[in-house]
Amino acid sequence: MPVAAAIAALPEAQRAIAEPLAALLLGVGGVVAAIKWNSPSFQEVRSGLFFATFQFPVKKGQPTGVGLRLVLHRDAKKLAFTTASPPIAATLGELLGADRALIPLADAADFAAKEQEIAAYVRAWLGLSA
C-alpha cells in the first residue's frame, strides 16, 4: 500500500497530523516515503537508510485513532548513520538513546505549534545545514 493511501485511510484526527507531517518530511529534500515496519516511513535517498517512522498509539491492542508519534531513528542498522543524534528540547520530544528520538503529536494544533521546530530538528537529525 502506498504511503498516501495508508495516510488517507487513517481516522480524520490522525490524518490531520500525518498529511502535513509527511509533507514536511518529504520537503526536506532527498527524502522518499514507503511503508516499512507496517507504517509510513521515510528514507534518505543519498544513504538509502530509513530515518523516520510514524507510530500510532494503541490501547489494549487496538488503534486509538488519536494522535501519532514521529520516531526518528538510524534505520535498523545501529551504525548506519555517522552523525550523532542532536539534543532535543523537552518541549518537542525525547531522546530515547543514541539512535532514537520520539516526538509525540496530540493533534493537528499540536503539530502546527511545533512544525518549525520539527523541521529544524529533522534537518539536524539528518546532519543537514539549516
C-alpha atoms as a PDB file:
ATOM      1  CA  MET A   1       0.000   0.000   0.000  1.00  0.00           C
ATOM      2  CA  PRO A   2       1.493   3.368  -0.963  1.00  0.00           C
ATOM      3  CA  VAL A   3       2.056   5.879   1.812  1.00  0.00           C
ATOM      4  CA  ALA A   4      -0.565   8.329   0.506  1.00  0.00           C
ATOM      5  CA  ALA A   5      -3.218   5.592   0.558  1.00  0.00           C
ATOM      6  CA  ALA A   6      -2.199   4.498   4.070  1.00  0.00           C
ATOM      7  CA  ILE A   7      -2.477   8.079   5.332  1.00  0.00           C
ATOM      8  CA  ALA A   8      -5.809   8.598   3.538  1.00  0.00           C
ATOM      9  CA  ALA A   9      -7.178   5.534   5.331  1.00  0.00           C
ATOM     10  CA  LEU A  10      -6.392   6.943   8.784  1.00  0.00           C
ATOM     11  CA  PRO A  11      -9.093   8.344  11.065  1.00  0.00           C
ATOM     12  CA  GLU A  12      -9.568  12.094  10.480  1.00  0.00           C
ATOM     13  CA  ALA A  13      -7.753  13.158  13.669  1.00  0.00           C
ATOM     14  CA  GLN A  14      -4.615  11.207  12.728  1.00  0.00           C
ATOM     15  CA  ARG A  15      -4.822  12.131   9.046  1.00  0.00           C
ATOM     16  CA  ALA A  16      -4.876  15.826  10.048  1.00  0.00           C
ATOM     17  CA  ILE A  17      -1.438  15.305  11.603  1.00  0.00           C
ATOM     18  CA  ALA A  18       0.018  12.712   9.222  1.00  0.00           C
ATOM     19  CA  GLU A  19      -0.590  14.585   5.959  1.00  0.00           C
ATOM     20  CA  PRO A  20       1.275  17.793   6.857  1.00  0.00           C
ATOM     21  CA  LEU A  21       3.948  15.851   8.755  1.00  0.00           C
ATOM     22  CA  ALA A  22       4.611  13.657   5.717  1.00  0.00           C
ATOM     23  CA  ALA A  23       4.778  16.775   3.536  1.00  0.00           C
ATOM     24  CA  LEU A  24       7.267  18.325   5.960  1.00  0.00           C
ATOM     25  CA  LEU A  25       9.499  15.236   5.890  1.00  0.00           C
ATOM     26  CA  LEU A  26       9.343  14.918   2.106  1.00  0.00           C
ATOM     27  CA  GLY A  27      10.020  18.647   1.793  1.00  0.00           C
ATOM     28  CA  VAL A  28      13.431  18.284   3.422  1.00  0.00           C
ATOM     29  CA  GLY A  29      14.696  17.162   0.003  1.00  0.00           C
ATOM     30  CA  GLY A  30      16.295  13.888  -0.862  1.00  0.00           C
ATOM     31  CA  VAL A  31      13.637  12.003   1.121  1.00  0.00           C
ATOM     32  CA  VAL A  32      11.148   9.407  -0.115  1.00  0.00           C
ATOM     33  CA  ALA A  33       8.338   7.595   1.663  1.00  0.00           C
ATOM     34  CA  ALA A  34       7.469   3.913   1.825  1.00  0.00           C
ATOM     35  CA  ILE A  35       5.536   1.521   4.008  1.00  0.00           C
ATOM     36  CA  LYS A  36       8.088  -0.173   6.259  1.00  0.00           C
ATOM     37  CA  TRP A  37       7.500  -1.786   9.619  1.00  0.00           C
ATOM     38  CA  ASN A  38       3.770  -1.635   8.698  1.00  0.00           C
ATOM     39  CA  SER A  39       3.755   2.144   8.901  1.00  0.00           C
ATOM     40  CA  PRO A  40       4.600   5.225   6.819  1.00  0.00           C
ATOM     41  CA  SER A  41       8.390   5.520   6.946  1.00  0.00           C
ATOM     42  CA  PHE A  42      10.811   7.956   5.385  1.00  0.00           C
ATOM     43  CA  GLN A  43      14.119   7.201   3.717  1.00  0.00           C
ATOM     44  CA  GLU A  44      17.068   9.426   2.985  1.00  0.00           C
ATOM     45  CA  VAL A  45      17.880   8.850  -0.688  1.00  0.00           C
ATOM     46  CA  ARG A  46      21.636   9.583  -0.517  1.00  0.00           C
ATOM     47  CA  SER A  47      22.295   6.911   2.114  1.00  0.00           C
ATOM     48  CA  GLY A  48      19.327   4.663   1.346  1.00  0.00           C
ATOM     49  CA  LEU A  49      18.594   4.460   5.069  1.00  0.00           C
ATOM     50  CA  PHE A  50      15.265   4.971   6.802  1.00  0.00           C
ATOM     51  CA  PHE A  51      15.282   7.690   9.458  1.00  0.00           C
ATOM     52  CA  ALA A  52      11.656   8.348  10.442  1.00  0.00           C
ATOM     53  CA  THR A  53       8.535   6.266  11.031  1.00  0.00           C
ATOM     54  CA  PHE A  54       5.016   7.150  12.145  1.00  0.00           C
ATOM     55  CA  GLN A  55       3.827   5.255  15.197  1.00  0.00           C
ATOM     56  CA  PHE A  56       0.132   5.178  16.017  1.00  0.00           C
ATOM     57  CA  PRO A  57      -0.968   4.825  19.651  1.00  0.00           C
ATOM     58  CA  VAL A  58      -2.824   1.666  20.601  1.00  0.00           C
ATOM     59  CA  LYS A  59      -4.789   0.748  23.709  1.00  0.00           C
ATOM     60  CA  LYS A  60      -5.433  -2.877  24.573  1.00  0.00           C
ATOM     61  CA  GLY A  61      -4.095  -3.867  21.163  1.00  0.00           C
ATOM     62  CA  GLN A  62      -6.467  -1.594  19.232  1.00  0.00           C
ATOM     63  CA  PRO A  63      -5.574   1.679  17.463  1.00  0.00           C
ATOM     64  CA  THR A  64      -6.888   4.692  19.356  1.00  0.00           C
ATOM     65  CA  GLY A  65      -7.346   6.882  16.268  1.00  0.00           C
ATOM     66  CA  VAL A  66      -5.903   9.807  18.205  1.00  0.00           C
ATOM     67  CA  GLY A  67      -2.506  11.428  17.792  1.00  0.00           C
ATOM     68  CA  LEU A  68       0.679   9.936  16.434  1.00  0.00           C
ATOM     69  CA  ARG A  69       4.325   9.746  17.332  1.00  0.00           C
ATOM     70  CA  LEU A  70       7.166  10.556  14.983  1.00  0.00           C
ATOM     71  CA  VAL A  71      10.001   8.151  15.728  1.00  0.00           C
ATOM     72  CA  LEU A  72      13.356   9.315  14.415  1.00  0.00           C
ATOM     73  CA  HIS A  73      15.857   6.506  14.173  1.00  0.00           C
ATOM     74  CA  ARG A  74      19.016   5.334  12.462  1.00  0.00           C
ATOM     75  CA  ASP A  75      17.394   2.676  10.243  1.00  0.00           C
ATOM     76  CA  ALA A  76      17.517  -0.874  11.533  1.00  0.00           C
ATOM     77  CA  LYS A  77      21.309  -0.763  11.405  1.00  0.00           C
ATOM     78  CA  LYS A  78      22.814   0.635  14.604  1.00  0.00           C
ATOM     79  CA  LEU A  79      25.889   2.114  12.904  1.00  0.00           C
ATOM     80  CA  ALA A  80      24.125   3.217   9.726  1.00  0.00           C
ATOM     81  CA  PHE A  81      24.460   6.971  10.272  1.00  0.00           C
ATOM     82  CA  THR A  82      27.695   8.768  11.039  1.00  0.00           C
ATOM     83  CA  THR A  83      26.222  11.870  12.666  1.00  0.00           C
ATOM     84  CA  ALA A  84      25.467  11.892  16.384  1.00  0.00           C
ATOM     85  CA  SER A  85      21.873  12.350  17.470  1.00  0.00           C
ATOM     86  CA  PRO A  86      21.341  16.026  18.254  1.00  0.00           C
ATOM     87  CA  PRO A  87      19.938  17.043  21.641  1.00  0.00           C
ATOM     88  CA  ILE A  88      16.162  17.569  21.635  1.00  0.00           C
ATOM     89  CA  ALA A  89      14.191  20.181  23.535  1.00  0.00           C
ATOM     90  CA  ALA A  90      11.986  18.629  26.226  1.00  0.00           C
ATOM     91  CA  THR A  91       9.069  20.646  24.836  1.00  0.00           C
ATOM     92  CA  LEU A  92       9.470  18.893  21.480  1.00  0.00           C
ATOM     93  CA  GLY A  93      10.163  15.300  22.407  1.00  0.00           C
ATOM     94  CA  GLU A  94      12.541  12.859  23.993  1.00  0.00           C
ATOM     95  CA  LEU A  95      15.904  11.386  23.011  1.00  0.00           C
ATOM     96  CA  LEU A  96      15.473   7.682  23.741  1.00  0.00           C
ATOM     97  CA  GLY A  97      19.073   6.704  23.046  1.00  0.00           C
ATOM     98  CA  ALA A  98      21.989   7.392  20.771  1.00  0.00           C
ATOM     99  CA  ASP A  99      19.973   6.289  17.746  1.00  0.00           C
ATOM    100  CA  ARG A 100      16.331   7.100  18.555  1.00  0.00           C
ATOM    101  CA  ALA A 101      14.153  10.123  19.330  1.00  0.00           C
ATOM    102  CA  LEU A 102      10.417  10.412  19.846  1.00  0.00           C
ATOM    103  CA  ILE A 103       8.217  13.393  19.010  1.00  0.00           C
ATOM    104  CA  PRO A 104       4.626  12.909  20.228  1.00  0.00           C
ATOM    105  CA  LEU A 105       1.885  14.872  18.486  1.00  0.00           C
ATOM    106  CA  ALA A 106      -1.527  15.038  20.161  1.00  0.00           C
ATOM    107  CA  ASP A 107      -3.481  16.641  17.337  1.00  0.00           C
ATOM    108  CA  ALA A 108      -3.263  18.955  14.327  1.00  0.00           C
ATOM    109  CA  ALA A 109      -2.941  22.052  16.524  1.00  0.00           C
ATOM    110  CA  ASP A 110      -0.024  20.474  18.386  1.00  0.00           C
ATOM    111  CA  PHE A 111       1.679  19.732  15.063  1.00  0.00           C
ATOM    112  CA  ALA A 112       1.071  23.299  13.829  1.00  0.00           C
ATOM    113  CA  ALA A 113       2.593  24.718  17.008  1.00  0.00           C
ATOM    114  CA  LYS A 114       5.699  22.520  16.663  1.00  0.00           C
ATOM    115  CA  GLU A 115       6.058  22.448  12.870  1.00  0.00           C
ATOM    116  CA  GLN A 116       9.057  24.777  12.554  1.00  0.00           C
ATOM    117  CA  GLU A 117      10.847  23.132  15.469  1.00  0.00           C
ATOM    118  CA  ILE A 118      10.209  19.667  13.982  1.00  0.00           C
ATOM    119  CA  ALA A 119      11.562  20.792  10.598  1.00  0.00           C
ATOM    120  CA  ALA A 120      14.736  22.154  12.195  1.00  0.00           C
ATOM    121  CA  TYR A 121      15.200  19.032  14.307  1.00  0.00           C
ATOM    122  CA  VAL A 122      14.733  16.673  11.351  1.00  0.00           C
ATOM    123  CA  ARG A 123      17.347  18.620   9.386  1.00  0.00           C
ATOM    124  CA  ALA A 124      19.725  18.377  12.362  1.00  0.00           C
ATOM    125  CA  TRP A 125      18.938  14.639  12.684  1.00  0.00           C
ATOM    126  CA  LEU A 126      19.963  14.176   9.053  1.00  0.00           C
ATOM    127  CA  GLY A 127      23.074  16.300   9.518  1.00  0.00           C
ATOM    128  CA  LEU A 128      21.837  18.964   7.123  1.00  0.00           C
ATOM    129  CA  SER A 129      22.529  22.663   7.481  1.00  0.00           C
ATOM    130  CA  ALA A 130      19.652  25.000   8.281  1.00  0.00           C
END
